[in-house]
Amino acid sequence: KSDPNFADKVRHIRDPKNRMAVVWAHCKT
């Protein structure tokens, strides 16, 4: 399921590793 708010949060992250970390944290909860 896609959270538009979440997509907006990670869109500005330019570092792929950093973004992956955020995405992983989001998916784990």
Protein backbone atom coordinates (compact mmCIF):
# COMPACT_ATOMS: atom_id res chain seq x y z
CA LYS A 1 0.00 0.00 0.00
CA SER A 2 1.33 3.41 -0.97
CA ASP A 3 1.30 6.41 1.33
CA PRO A 4 1.35 9.67 -0.69
CA ASN A 5 2.61 11.51 2.38
CA PHE A 6 5.48 9.07 2.73
CA ALA A 7 6.38 9.35 -0.95
CA ASP A 8 6.59 13.10 -0.48
CA LYS A 9 8.88 12.61 2.51
CA VAL A 10 11.41 10.46 0.70
CA ARG A 11 11.28 12.27 -2.65
CA HIS A 12 13.72 14.94 -1.43
CA ILE A 13 16.28 12.39 -0.21
CA ARG A 14 19.07 12.33 -2.80
CA ASP A 15 21.22 9.67 -1.13
CA PRO A 16 20.00 6.21 -2.24
CA LYS A 17 21.34 4.51 0.89
CA ASN A 18 19.64 7.03 3.12
CA ARG A 19 16.40 6.67 1.20
CA MET A 20 16.55 2.89 1.42
CA ALA A 21 16.98 3.15 5.19
CA VAL A 22 13.93 5.36 5.46
CA VAL A 23 11.88 3.12 3.20
CA TRP A 24 12.92 0.03 5.15
CA ALA A 25 12.01 1.67 8.45
CA HIS A 26 8.64 2.63 6.98
CA CYS A 27 7.95 -0.87 5.68
CA LYS A 28 8.91 -2.57 8.95
CA THR A 29 6.36 -0.71 11.05
